[in-house]
Amino acid sequence: MAAKVMHAVQYDSYGVGAAGLKHVEVPVPTPNKNEVLLKVEATSINPVDWKIQKGMLRPLLPSKFPFIPTTDVGGEVVEVGANVKSFKAGDKVVAMLNTLNGGGLAEYAVAKESLTVTRPAEVSAAEGAGVLIAGLTALQALVNPAEVKLDGTGPRKKILVTAASGGVGHYAVQLAKLGNTHVTATCGARNFDFVKSLGADEVLDYKTPEGAALKSPSGQKYDAVIHCTTGIPWSTFEPNLSANGKVIDLTPGASAMWTFAVKKLTFSKKQLVPLLLIPKKENLELLVRLVKEGQLKTVIDSKHPLSKAEDAWSRSIDGHATGKIIVEP
């Protein structure tokens, strides 16, 4: 494969948004000894992808220009490295690519064996690509800081999910409902029925006074908030939390880190917890199994061909996607 070239989409500087994406022909990558080479069938765009392009994670990411973005892919193994034992050519998989190297917006990509899992026939490439960063983030937030047991055992928890119709939010509602939970969710009015269909017990329109105040219609106090958006101050959360309530902030900024520190230092029972995603193969296998069994669904906002990746990029930056945005080479 190494001598062949492929179509890919890359950018070579910070900023510019969708206009900065360039369609190029580049060599097909070669897998290292612990990697697999995939023919990409679908990749999903996450907000972190265009935030990296904006320069929000500089100087860490991207590691170098030009950079082919996206990390969440579903595809087929076409070549395996010398030490790869779990996969062979022809296997259908989903994989999370190395964040430093990206590579998903292309016809082929290399993935580490350690973050590649088998994709059963019941799970499409698009469904699998959608569930990676977004699903793993929702799962980690619920199981770890929020202490929800997905098998339904454990004490009843009252959970709030903000921006529940988005990529992470729509998985968080579904996963929370596998546990013993009461879920309140926020979204725009047009997504009410959608979020209820995911299992939410109560839905708040974030544009109304009650929704902006995050007040539960039935007077619930939240044991945990899966906070999937930005711009809500701690003072809005605090009166709605139970005695030991936690706000799990998935995109913590400077003010969130300050609140986290203050609450720790003052031994407050109410805590703000910044979440850093730690991808684990067993969590990815669990998510794929739940999709296969129909207990978790990837809702696809839109699909775009690789030749029109800019449209998908703009759709994500716009911030009003319902579910996941998919690009298909």
C-alpha atoms as a PDB file:
ATOM      1  CA  MET A   1       0.000   0.000   0.000  1.00  0.00           C
ATOM      2  CA  ALA A   2       2.868   2.347   0.841  1.00  0.00           C
ATOM      3  CA  ALA A   3       3.515   3.383  -2.763  1.00  0.00           C
ATOM      4  CA  LYS A   4      -0.099   4.389  -3.335  1.00  0.00           C
ATOM      5  CA  VAL A   5      -1.616   7.813  -2.805  1.00  0.00           C
ATOM      6  CA  MET A   6      -4.967   8.698  -1.290  1.00  0.00           C
ATOM      7  CA  HIS A   7      -7.379  11.611  -1.097  1.00  0.00           C
ATOM      8  CA  ALA A   8      -7.218  13.420   2.254  1.00  0.00           C
ATOM      9  CA  VAL A   9      -8.355  16.703   3.778  1.00  0.00           C
ATOM     10  CA  GLN A  10      -5.857  18.733   5.794  1.00  0.00           C
ATOM     11  CA  TYR A  11      -5.067  22.220   7.072  1.00  0.00           C
ATOM     12  CA  ASP A  12      -1.686  23.878   7.362  1.00  0.00           C
ATOM     13  CA  SER A  13      -2.254  26.767   9.760  1.00  0.00           C
ATOM     14  CA  TYR A  14      -4.371  27.812  12.735  1.00  0.00           C
ATOM     15  CA  GLY A  15      -7.714  29.525  12.233  1.00  0.00           C
ATOM     16  CA  VAL A  16      -9.752  30.007   9.037  1.00  0.00           C
ATOM     17  CA  GLY A  17     -12.361  27.309   9.872  1.00  0.00           C
ATOM     18  CA  ALA A  18     -13.820  25.334   6.969  1.00  0.00           C
ATOM     19  CA  ALA A  19     -12.128  27.657   4.459  1.00  0.00           C
ATOM     20  CA  GLY A  20      -8.750  26.438   5.755  1.00  0.00           C
ATOM     21  CA  LEU A  21      -9.392  22.815   4.772  1.00  0.00           C
ATOM     22  CA  LYS A  22      -7.519  21.656   1.676  1.00  0.00           C
ATOM     23  CA  HIS A  23      -8.101  18.580  -0.487  1.00  0.00           C
ATOM     24  CA  VAL A  24      -4.798  16.860  -1.209  1.00  0.00           C
ATOM     25  CA  GLU A  25      -3.278  13.650  -2.536  1.00  0.00           C
ATOM     26  CA  VAL A  26      -0.839  12.156  -0.024  1.00  0.00           C
ATOM     27  CA  PRO A  27       0.857   8.759   0.388  1.00  0.00           C
ATOM     28  CA  VAL A  28      -1.156   6.022   2.083  1.00  0.00           C
ATOM     29  CA  PRO A  29       0.355   5.690   5.592  1.00  0.00           C
ATOM     30  CA  THR A  30       2.306   2.576   6.622  1.00  0.00           C
ATOM     31  CA  PRO A  31       1.359   0.869   9.903  1.00  0.00           C
ATOM     32  CA  ASN A  32       4.032   0.470  12.572  1.00  0.00           C
ATOM     33  CA  LYS A  33       4.465  -2.896  14.297  1.00  0.00           C
ATOM     34  CA  ASN A  34       1.606  -2.295  16.776  1.00  0.00           C
ATOM     35  CA  GLU A  35      -0.753  -0.604  14.298  1.00  0.00           C
ATOM     36  CA  VAL A  36      -3.335  -1.540  11.702  1.00  0.00           C
ATOM     37  CA  LEU A  37      -3.946   0.222   8.397  1.00  0.00           C
ATOM     38  CA  LEU A  38      -7.648   0.876   7.837  1.00  0.00           C
ATOM     39  CA  LYS A  39      -9.679   1.688   4.772  1.00  0.00           C
ATOM     40  CA  VAL A  40     -11.840   4.417   6.298  1.00  0.00           C
ATOM     41  CA  GLU A  41     -15.583   3.906   5.719  1.00  0.00           C
ATOM     42  CA  ALA A  42     -16.765   6.674   8.075  1.00  0.00           C
ATOM     43  CA  THR A  43     -15.312   9.272  10.424  1.00  0.00           C
ATOM     44  CA  SER A  44     -17.133  11.537  12.848  1.00  0.00           C
ATOM     45  CA  ILE A  45     -16.338  15.169  13.594  1.00  0.00           C
ATOM     46  CA  ASN A  46     -16.121  16.260  17.224  1.00  0.00           C
ATOM     47  CA  PRO A  47     -15.946  19.876  18.468  1.00  0.00           C
ATOM     48  CA  VAL A  48     -12.391  19.214  19.661  1.00  0.00           C
ATOM     49  CA  ASP A  49     -11.369  18.778  15.995  1.00  0.00           C
ATOM     50  CA  TRP A  50     -12.130  22.362  14.989  1.00  0.00           C
ATOM     51  CA  LYS A  51     -11.027  23.668  18.397  1.00  0.00           C
ATOM     52  CA  ILE A  52      -7.566  22.242  17.632  1.00  0.00           C
ATOM     53  CA  GLN A  53      -7.657  24.052  14.281  1.00  0.00           C
ATOM     54  CA  LYS A  54      -8.635  27.287  16.061  1.00  0.00           C
ATOM     55  CA  GLY A  55      -5.511  26.960  18.197  1.00  0.00           C
ATOM     56  CA  MET A  56      -7.273  26.297  21.501  1.00  0.00           C
ATOM     57  CA  LEU A  57      -4.834  23.485  22.357  1.00  0.00           C
ATOM     58  CA  ARG A  58      -1.635  25.057  21.086  1.00  0.00           C
ATOM     59  CA  PRO A  59       1.242  24.378  21.468  1.00  0.00           C
ATOM     60  CA  LEU A  60       0.276  20.743  22.138  1.00  0.00           C
ATOM     61  CA  LEU A  61      -1.961  20.147  19.120  1.00  0.00           C
ATOM     62  CA  PRO A  62      -1.632  19.733  16.283  1.00  0.00           C
ATOM     63  CA  SER A  63       1.803  18.186  16.698  1.00  0.00           C
ATOM     64  CA  LYS A  64       2.791  19.444  13.232  1.00  0.00           C
ATOM     65  CA  PHE A  65       1.419  21.059  10.068  1.00  0.00           C
ATOM     66  CA  PRO A  66       0.024  20.065   7.652  1.00  0.00           C
ATOM     67  CA  PHE A  67      -2.487  18.132   9.783  1.00  0.00           C
ATOM     68  CA  ILE A  68      -5.226  15.689   8.728  1.00  0.00           C
ATOM     69  CA  PRO A  69      -7.935  16.042  11.415  1.00  0.00           C
ATOM     70  CA  THR A  70     -10.405  13.653  13.147  1.00  0.00           C
ATOM     71  CA  THR A  71      -9.705  10.564  15.229  1.00  0.00           C
ATOM     72  CA  ASP A  72     -12.957   8.546  15.277  1.00  0.00           C
ATOM     73  CA  VAL A  73     -13.230   6.051  12.428  1.00  0.00           C
ATOM     74  CA  GLY A  74     -15.094   2.970  11.320  1.00  0.00           C
ATOM     75  CA  GLY A  75     -13.550   0.912   8.569  1.00  0.00           C
ATOM     76  CA  GLU A  76     -11.890  -2.266   7.342  1.00  0.00           C
ATOM     77  CA  VAL A  77      -8.420  -3.567   8.148  1.00  0.00           C
ATOM     78  CA  VAL A  78      -6.273  -3.784   4.996  1.00  0.00           C
ATOM     79  CA  GLU A  79      -2.828  -4.375   6.547  1.00  0.00           C
ATOM     80  CA  VAL A  80      -1.488  -5.192  10.013  1.00  0.00           C
ATOM     81  CA  GLY A  81       1.836  -4.418  11.690  1.00  0.00           C
ATOM     82  CA  ALA A  82       4.291  -7.192  12.588  1.00  0.00           C
ATOM     83  CA  ASN A  83       3.202  -7.451  16.242  1.00  0.00           C
ATOM     84  CA  VAL A  84      -0.575  -7.204  15.732  1.00  0.00           C
ATOM     85  CA  LYS A  85      -2.326 -10.358  16.963  1.00  0.00           C
ATOM     86  CA  SER A  86      -6.025  -9.425  17.237  1.00  0.00           C
ATOM     87  CA  PHE A  87      -6.795  -8.398  13.658  1.00  0.00           C
ATOM     88  CA  LYS A  88      -6.276  -9.488  10.070  1.00  0.00           C
ATOM     89  CA  ALA A  89      -7.002  -7.980   6.665  1.00  0.00           C
ATOM     90  CA  GLY A  90     -10.757  -7.878   5.994  1.00  0.00           C
ATOM     91  CA  ASP A  91     -11.823  -7.367   9.621  1.00  0.00           C
ATOM     92  CA  LYS A  92     -14.447  -4.671  10.198  1.00  0.00           C
ATOM     93  CA  VAL A  93     -13.497  -2.403  13.098  1.00  0.00           C
ATOM     94  CA  VAL A  94     -13.923   0.909  14.846  1.00  0.00           C
ATOM     95  CA  ALA A  95     -10.843   2.725  16.059  1.00  0.00           C
ATOM     96  CA  MET A  96      -9.760   5.867  17.847  1.00  0.00           C
ATOM     97  CA  LEU A  97      -6.713   7.301  16.117  1.00  0.00           C
ATOM     98  CA  ASN A  98      -3.835   8.958  17.942  1.00  0.00           C
ATOM     99  CA  THR A  99      -4.915  12.527  18.795  1.00  0.00           C
ATOM    100  CA  LEU A 100      -1.399  13.826  18.083  1.00  0.00           C
ATOM    101  CA  ASN A 101      -1.414  12.490  14.536  1.00  0.00           C
ATOM    102  CA  GLY A 102      -5.123  12.563  13.603  1.00  0.00           C
ATOM    103  CA  GLY A 103      -5.690  11.198  10.123  1.00  0.00           C
ATOM    104  CA  GLY A 104      -9.398  10.395   9.946  1.00  0.00           C
ATOM    105  CA  LEU A 105     -10.398  12.732   7.098  1.00  0.00           C
ATOM    106  CA  ALA A 106      -8.775  10.471   4.515  1.00  0.00           C
ATOM    107  CA  GLU A 107      -9.335   7.290   2.551  1.00  0.00           C
ATOM    108  CA  TYR A 108      -6.878   5.345   4.745  1.00  0.00           C
ATOM    109  CA  ALA A 109      -5.634   5.776   8.314  1.00  0.00           C
ATOM    110  CA  VAL A 110      -3.432   3.965  10.818  1.00  0.00           C
ATOM    111  CA  ALA A 111      -4.678   3.059  14.298  1.00  0.00           C
ATOM    112  CA  LYS A 112      -3.058   1.465  17.325  1.00  0.00           C
ATOM    113  CA  GLU A 113      -4.211  -2.095  17.969  1.00  0.00           C
ATOM    114  CA  SER A 114      -4.849  -1.061  21.600  1.00  0.00           C
ATOM    115  CA  LEU A 115      -7.662   1.353  20.609  1.00  0.00           C
ATOM    116  CA  THR A 116      -9.161  -0.718  17.797  1.00  0.00           C
ATOM    117  CA  VAL A 117     -12.123  -3.041  18.397  1.00  0.00           C
ATOM    118  CA  THR A 118     -14.097  -5.458  16.245  1.00  0.00           C
ATOM    119  CA  ARG A 119     -17.268  -4.038  14.717  1.00  0.00           C
ATOM    120  CA  PRO A 120     -20.088  -6.582  14.496  1.00  0.00           C
ATOM    121  CA  ALA A 121     -22.310  -6.719  11.414  1.00  0.00           C
ATOM    122  CA  GLU A 122     -25.164  -5.082  13.350  1.00  0.00           C
ATOM    123  CA  VAL A 123     -23.127  -1.869  13.811  1.00  0.00           C
ATOM    124  CA  SER A 124     -22.554   0.290  10.730  1.00  0.00           C
ATOM    125  CA  ALA A 125     -19.281   2.142  10.158  1.00  0.00           C
ATOM    126  CA  ALA A 126     -21.080   5.455  10.793  1.00  0.00           C
ATOM    127  CA  GLU A 127     -22.671   4.239  14.052  1.00  0.00           C
ATOM    128  CA  GLY A 128     -19.304   2.965  15.230  1.00  0.00           C
ATOM    129  CA  ALA A 129     -17.434   6.112  14.258  1.00  0.00           C
ATOM    130  CA  GLY A 130     -19.990   8.222  16.122  1.00  0.00           C
ATOM    131  CA  VAL A 131     -19.668   6.436  19.441  1.00  0.00           C
ATOM    132  CA  LEU A 132     -15.936   6.901  20.032  1.00  0.00           C
ATOM    133  CA  ILE A 133     -14.948  10.213  21.713  1.00  0.00           C
ATOM    134  CA  ALA A 134     -18.543  11.275  22.409  1.00  0.00           C
ATOM    135  CA  GLY A 135     -19.679   7.916  23.788  1.00  0.00           C
ATOM    136  CA  LEU A 136     -16.478   7.317  25.751  1.00  0.00           C
ATOM    137  CA  THR A 137     -16.756  10.792  27.322  1.00  0.00           C
ATOM    138  CA  ALA A 138     -20.392  10.240  28.346  1.00  0.00           C
ATOM    139  CA  LEU A 139     -19.579   6.775  29.710  1.00  0.00           C
ATOM    140  CA  GLN A 140     -16.562   7.919  31.723  1.00  0.00           C
ATOM    141  CA  ALA A 141     -18.465  10.880  33.193  1.00  0.00           C
ATOM    142  CA  LEU A 142     -21.383   8.712  34.311  1.00  0.00           C
ATOM    143  CA  VAL A 143     -19.456   5.725  35.648  1.00  0.00           C
ATOM    144  CA  ASN A 144     -16.547   7.469  37.293  1.00  0.00           C
ATOM    145  CA  PRO A 145     -17.360  10.831  38.886  1.00  0.00           C
ATOM    146  CA  ALA A 146     -21.176  10.378  38.783  1.00  0.00           C
ATOM    147  CA  GLU A 147     -20.977   6.781  40.076  1.00  0.00           C
ATOM    148  CA  VAL A 148     -23.916   5.489  38.013  1.00  0.00           C
ATOM    149  CA  LYS A 149     -24.020   1.704  37.663  1.00  0.00           C
ATOM    150  CA  LEU A 150     -25.117   0.919  34.107  1.00  0.00           C
ATOM    151  CA  ASP A 151     -26.553  -2.456  35.123  1.00  0.00           C
ATOM    152  CA  GLY A 152     -29.303  -0.667  37.055  1.00  0.00           C
ATOM    153  CA  THR A 153     -28.058  -1.657  40.499  1.00  0.00           C
ATOM    154  CA  GLY A 154     -27.020   0.962  43.019  1.00  0.00           C
ATOM    155  CA  PRO A 155     -28.934   3.829  44.621  1.00  0.00           C
ATOM    156  CA  ARG A 156     -31.232   5.989  42.493  1.00  0.00           C
ATOM    157  CA  LYS A 157     -29.392   9.011  41.100  1.00  0.00           C
ATOM    158  CA  LYS A 158     -30.830  12.250  39.827  1.00  0.00           C
ATOM    159  CA  ILE A 159     -28.866  13.388  36.776  1.00  0.00           C
ATOM    160  CA  LEU A 160     -28.932  16.581  34.723  1.00  0.00           C
ATOM    161  CA  VAL A 161     -27.553  16.495  31.157  1.00  0.00           C
ATOM    162  CA  THR A 162     -26.975  19.880  29.509  1.00  0.00           C
ATOM    163  CA  ALA A 163     -27.015  20.183  25.691  1.00  0.00           C
ATOM    164  CA  ALA A 164     -28.669  16.764  25.615  1.00  0.00           C
ATOM    165  CA  SER A 165     -29.345  16.720  21.868  1.00  0.00           C
ATOM    166  CA  GLY A 166     -25.657  17.046  20.929  1.00  0.00           C
ATOM    167  CA  GLY A 167     -22.985  14.420  20.353  1.00  0.00           C
ATOM    168  CA  VAL A 168     -21.997  13.670  23.957  1.00  0.00           C
ATOM    169  CA  GLY A 169     -25.372  14.652  25.401  1.00  0.00           C
ATOM    170  CA  HIS A 170     -27.448  12.205  23.392  1.00  0.00           C
ATOM    171  CA  TYR A 171     -25.236   9.320  24.522  1.00  0.00           C
ATOM    172  CA  ALA A 172     -25.218  10.571  28.135  1.00  0.00           C
ATOM    173  CA  VAL A 173     -29.031  10.507  28.355  1.00  0.00           C
ATOM    174  CA  GLN A 174     -29.221   6.970  26.961  1.00  0.00           C
ATOM    175  CA  LEU A 175     -26.396   5.594  29.105  1.00  0.00           C
ATOM    176  CA  ALA A 176     -27.752   7.251  32.250  1.00  0.00           C
ATOM    177  CA  LYS A 177     -31.139   5.595  31.690  1.00  0.00           C
ATOM    178  CA  LEU A 178     -29.487   2.156  31.650  1.00  0.00           C
ATOM    179  CA  GLY A 179     -28.736   2.893  35.299  1.00  0.00           C
ATOM    180  CA  ASN A 180     -31.169   3.578  38.107  1.00  0.00           C
ATOM    181  CA  THR A 181     -31.574   7.288  37.326  1.00  0.00           C
ATOM    182  CA  HIS A 182     -34.007  10.133  36.907  1.00  0.00           C
ATOM    183  CA  VAL A 183     -32.722  12.250  33.993  1.00  0.00           C
ATOM    184  CA  THR A 184     -33.469  15.932  33.449  1.00  0.00           C
ATOM    185  CA  ALA A 185     -32.112  17.260  30.161  1.00  0.00           C
ATOM    186  CA  THR A 186     -31.689  20.666  28.540  1.00  0.00           C
ATOM    187  CA  CYS A 187     -31.976  21.386  24.813  1.00  0.00           C
ATOM    188  CA  GLY A 188     -33.682  23.759  22.382  1.00  0.00           C
ATOM    189  CA  ALA A 189     -37.468  23.534  21.975  1.00  0.00           C
ATOM    190  CA  ARG A 190     -37.184  21.902  18.531  1.00  0.00           C
ATOM    191  CA  ASN A 191     -35.384  18.889  20.080  1.00  0.00           C
ATOM    192  CA  PHE A 192     -37.830  18.227  22.946  1.00  0.00           C
ATOM    193  CA  ASP A 193     -39.420  15.138  21.414  1.00  0.00           C
ATOM    194  CA  PHE A 194     -36.050  13.809  20.287  1.00  0.00           C
ATOM    195  CA  VAL A 195     -34.501  14.065  23.768  1.00  0.00           C
ATOM    196  CA  LYS A 196     -37.607  12.488  25.353  1.00  0.00           C
ATOM    197  CA  SER A 197     -37.303   9.631  22.850  1.00  0.00           C
ATOM    198  CA  LEU A 198     -33.790   8.978  24.200  1.00  0.00           C
ATOM    199  CA  GLY A 199     -35.321   8.371  27.630  1.00  0.00           C
ATOM    200  CA  ALA A 200     -35.129  11.725  29.428  1.00  0.00           C
ATOM    201  CA  ASP A 201     -37.710  12.005  32.220  1.00  0.00           C
ATOM    202  CA  GLU A 202     -37.888  15.801  32.058  1.00  0.00           C
ATOM    203  CA  VAL A 203     -36.751  18.243  29.378  1.00  0.00           C
ATOM    204  CA  LEU A 204     -35.969  21.935  29.834  1.00  0.00           C
ATOM    205  CA  ASP A 205     -35.798  24.555  27.079  1.00  0.00           C
ATOM    206  CA  TYR A 206     -32.525  26.329  27.832  1.00  0.00           C
ATOM    207  CA  LYS A 207     -33.912  29.562  26.350  1.00  0.00           C
ATOM    208  CA  THR A 208     -36.708  29.903  28.944  1.00  0.00           C
ATOM    209  CA  PRO A 209     -36.139  31.421  32.421  1.00  0.00           C
ATOM    210  CA  GLU A 210     -36.736  28.014  34.078  1.00  0.00           C
ATOM    211  CA  GLY A 211     -34.433  26.284  31.632  1.00  0.00           C
ATOM    212  CA  ALA A 212     -31.705  28.884  32.030  1.00  0.00           C
ATOM    213  CA  ALA A 213     -31.977  28.462  35.817  1.00  0.00           C
ATOM    214  CA  LEU A 214     -31.726  24.636  35.365  1.00  0.00           C
ATOM    215  CA  LYS A 215     -34.675  24.125  37.715  1.00  0.00           C
ATOM    216  CA  SER A 216     -36.162  20.643  37.585  1.00  0.00           C
ATOM    217  CA  PRO A 217     -39.933  20.818  36.818  1.00  0.00           C
ATOM    218  CA  SER A 218     -40.554  18.221  39.546  1.00  0.00           C
ATOM    219  CA  GLY A 219     -38.206  19.837  42.060  1.00  0.00           C
ATOM    220  CA  GLN A 220     -35.347  17.322  41.778  1.00  0.00           C
ATOM    221  CA  LYS A 221     -31.947  18.201  43.201  1.00  0.00           C
ATOM    222  CA  TYR A 222     -29.216  16.776  40.979  1.00  0.00           C
ATOM    223  CA  ASP A 223     -26.657  14.305  42.294  1.00  0.00           C
ATOM    224  CA  ALA A 224     -24.592  14.866  39.164  1.00  0.00           C
ATOM    225  CA  VAL A 225     -24.615  17.196  36.158  1.00  0.00           C
ATOM    226  CA  ILE A 226     -23.101  15.938  32.911  1.00  0.00           C
ATOM    227  CA  HIS A 227     -22.220  19.394  31.597  1.00  0.00           C
ATOM    228  CA  CYS A 228     -21.854  19.202  27.808  1.00  0.00           C
ATOM    229  CA  THR A 229     -21.931  22.913  26.967  1.00  0.00           C
ATOM    230  CA  THR A 230     -20.275  26.140  28.136  1.00  0.00           C
ATOM    231  CA  GLY A 231     -21.243  29.495  29.578  1.00  0.00           C
ATOM    232  CA  ILE A 232     -23.193  28.375  32.664  1.00  0.00           C
ATOM    233  CA  PRO A 233     -21.680  29.760  35.886  1.00  0.00           C
ATOM    234  CA  TRP A 234     -21.281  27.747  39.091  1.00  0.00           C
ATOM    235  CA  SER A 235     -23.822  30.043  40.783  1.00  0.00           C
ATOM    236  CA  THR A 236     -26.535  28.657  38.478  1.00  0.00           C
ATOM    237  CA  PHE A 237     -25.671  25.035  39.255  1.00  0.00           C
ATOM    238  CA  GLU A 238     -25.157  25.274  43.017  1.00  0.00           C
ATOM    239  CA  PRO A 239     -28.761  25.796  44.231  1.00  0.00           C
ATOM    240  CA  ASN A 240     -29.915  22.864  42.059  1.00  0.00           C
ATOM    241  CA  LEU A 241     -27.415  20.333  43.431  1.00  0.00           C
ATOM    242  CA  SER A 242     -28.087  17.767  46.138  1.00  0.00           C
ATOM    243  CA  ALA A 243     -25.971  17.943  49.311  1.00  0.00           C
ATOM    244  CA  ASN A 244     -23.073  16.079  47.666  1.00  0.00           C
ATOM    245  CA  GLY A 245     -23.853  17.037  44.079  1.00  0.00           C
ATOM    246  CA  LYS A 246     -21.169  17.215  41.402  1.00  0.00           C
ATOM    247  CA  VAL A 247     -20.935  19.186  38.178  1.00  0.00           C
ATOM    248  CA  ILE A 248     -18.838  17.142  35.755  1.00  0.00           C
ATOM    249  CA  ASP A 249     -17.499  19.694  33.285  1.00  0.00           C
ATOM    250  CA  LEU A 250     -16.547  18.138  29.945  1.00  0.00           C
ATOM    251  CA  THR A 251     -14.968  21.311  28.500  1.00  0.00           C
ATOM    252  CA  PRO A 252     -13.551  23.097  31.542  1.00  0.00           C
ATOM    253  CA  GLY A 253     -12.229  26.614  30.978  1.00  0.00           C
ATOM    254  CA  ALA A 254     -10.255  28.853  33.327  1.00  0.00           C
ATOM    255  CA  SER A 255     -13.259  29.755  35.521  1.00  0.00           C
ATOM    256  CA  ALA A 256     -14.202  26.080  35.908  1.00  0.00           C
ATOM    257  CA  MET A 257     -10.656  25.205  36.987  1.00  0.00           C
ATOM    258  CA  TRP A 258     -10.762  28.045  39.509  1.00  0.00           C
ATOM    259  CA  THR A 259     -14.087  26.778  40.914  1.00  0.00           C
ATOM    260  CA  PHE A 260     -12.684  23.232  41.058  1.00  0.00           C
ATOM    261  CA  ALA A 261      -9.703  24.471  43.101  1.00  0.00           C
ATOM    262  CA  VAL A 262     -11.799  26.625  45.456  1.00  0.00           C
ATOM    263  CA  LYS A 263     -14.295  23.812  46.164  1.00  0.00           C
ATOM    264  CA  LYS A 264     -11.432  21.390  46.891  1.00  0.00           C
ATOM    265  CA  LEU A 265      -9.586  23.819  49.155  1.00  0.00           C
ATOM    266  CA  THR A 266     -12.714  24.718  51.134  1.00  0.00           C
ATOM    267  CA  PHE A 267     -13.772  21.052  51.502  1.00  0.00           C
ATOM    268  CA  SER A 268     -17.113  21.854  49.915  1.00  0.00           C
ATOM    269  CA  LYS A 269     -19.499  18.882  49.645  1.00  0.00           C
ATOM    270  CA  LYS A 270     -20.659  20.244  46.299  1.00  0.00           C
ATOM    271  CA  GLN A 271     -17.872  19.829  43.763  1.00  0.00           C
ATOM    272  CA  LEU A 272     -16.982  20.816  40.220  1.00  0.00           C
ATOM    273  CA  VAL A 273     -15.089  17.980  38.522  1.00  0.00           C
ATOM    274  CA  PRO A 274     -13.159  18.688  35.276  1.00  0.00           C
ATOM    275  CA  LEU A 275     -13.207  15.589  33.053  1.00  0.00           C
ATOM    276  CA  LEU A 276     -10.188  14.481  31.031  1.00  0.00           C
ATOM    277  CA  LEU A 277     -11.085  11.617  28.715  1.00  0.00           C
ATOM    278  CA  ILE A 278      -8.921   8.518  29.200  1.00  0.00           C
ATOM    279  CA  PRO A 279      -9.833   6.183  26.313  1.00  0.00           C
ATOM    280  CA  LYS A 280      -9.909   2.507  27.311  1.00  0.00           C
ATOM    281  CA  LYS A 281     -10.376  -0.458  25.019  1.00  0.00           C
ATOM    282  CA  GLU A 282     -12.800  -2.189  27.406  1.00  0.00           C
ATOM    283  CA  ASN A 283     -15.030   0.895  27.450  1.00  0.00           C
ATOM    284  CA  LEU A 284     -15.009   1.017  23.662  1.00  0.00           C
ATOM    285  CA  GLU A 285     -15.921  -2.678  23.503  1.00  0.00           C
ATOM    286  CA  LEU A 286     -18.781  -2.053  25.942  1.00  0.00           C
ATOM    287  CA  LEU A 287     -20.172   0.815  23.846  1.00  0.00           C
ATOM    288  CA  VAL A 288     -20.007  -1.204  20.622  1.00  0.00           C
ATOM    289  CA  ARG A 289     -21.775  -4.103  22.365  1.00  0.00           C
ATOM    290  CA  LEU A 290     -24.541  -1.777  23.619  1.00  0.00           C
ATOM    291  CA  VAL A 291     -25.030  -0.438  20.066  1.00  0.00           C
ATOM    292  CA  LYS A 292     -25.129  -3.999  18.720  1.00  0.00           C
ATOM    293  CA  GLU A 293     -27.752  -4.992  21.308  1.00  0.00           C
ATOM    294  CA  GLY A 294     -29.888  -1.932  20.581  1.00  0.00           C
ATOM    295  CA  GLN A 295     -29.440  -0.490  24.085  1.00  0.00           C
ATOM    296  CA  LEU A 296     -27.542   2.515  22.733  1.00  0.00           C
ATOM    297  CA  LYS A 297     -28.044   4.261  19.429  1.00  0.00           C
ATOM    298  CA  THR A 298     -25.884   6.648  17.465  1.00  0.00           C
ATOM    299  CA  VAL A 299     -28.203   9.343  16.141  1.00  0.00           C
ATOM    300  CA  ILE A 300     -26.745  10.741  12.928  1.00  0.00           C
ATOM    301  CA  ASP A 301     -27.318  14.445  12.318  1.00  0.00           C
ATOM    302  CA  SER A 302     -25.956  14.390   8.756  1.00  0.00           C
ATOM    303  CA  LYS A 303     -23.651  12.510   6.411  1.00  0.00           C
ATOM    304  CA  HIS A 304     -21.206  14.199   4.033  1.00  0.00           C
ATOM    305  CA  PRO A 305     -18.850  12.806   1.374  1.00  0.00           C
ATOM    306  CA  LEU A 306     -15.125  13.414   1.905  1.00  0.00           C
ATOM    307  CA  SER A 307     -15.235  15.680  -1.166  1.00  0.00           C
ATOM    308  CA  LYS A 308     -17.508  18.017   0.849  1.00  0.00           C
ATOM    309  CA  ALA A 309     -15.799  17.733   4.239  1.00  0.00           C
ATOM    310  CA  GLU A 310     -16.021  21.544   4.570  1.00  0.00           C
ATOM    311  CA  ASP A 311     -19.822  21.277   4.893  1.00  0.00           C
ATOM    312  CA  ALA A 312     -19.464  18.835   7.790  1.00  0.00           C
ATOM    313  CA  TRP A 313     -16.813  21.060   9.418  1.00  0.00           C
ATOM    314  CA  SER A 314     -19.084  24.128   9.181  1.00  0.00           C
ATOM    315  CA  ARG A 315     -22.031  22.122  10.545  1.00  0.00           C
ATOM    316  CA  SER A 316     -20.014  21.190  13.631  1.00  0.00           C
ATOM    317  CA  ILE A 317     -18.736  24.745  14.204  1.00  0.00           C
ATOM    318  CA  ASP A 318     -22.338  25.995  13.945  1.00  0.00           C
ATOM    319  CA  GLY A 319     -23.057  24.065  17.152  1.00  0.00           C
ATOM    320  CA  HIS A 320     -26.644  22.993  16.453  1.00  0.00           C
ATOM    321  CA  ALA A 321     -26.168  19.408  15.292  1.00  0.00           C
ATOM    322  CA  THR A 322     -28.603  16.824  16.629  1.00  0.00           C
ATOM    323  CA  GLY A 323     -26.423  13.797  17.291  1.00  0.00           C
ATOM    324  CA  LYS A 324     -23.307  13.074  15.251  1.00  0.00           C
ATOM    325  CA  ILE A 325     -21.859  14.531  12.022  1.00  0.00           C
ATOM    326  CA  ILE A 326     -20.362  11.850   9.764  1.00  0.00           C
ATOM    327  CA  VAL A 327     -17.976  12.086   6.797  1.00  0.00           C
ATOM    328  CA  GLU A 328     -17.757   9.117   4.414  1.00  0.00           C
ATOM    329  CA  PRO A 329     -14.816   8.744   1.992  1.00  0.00           C
END
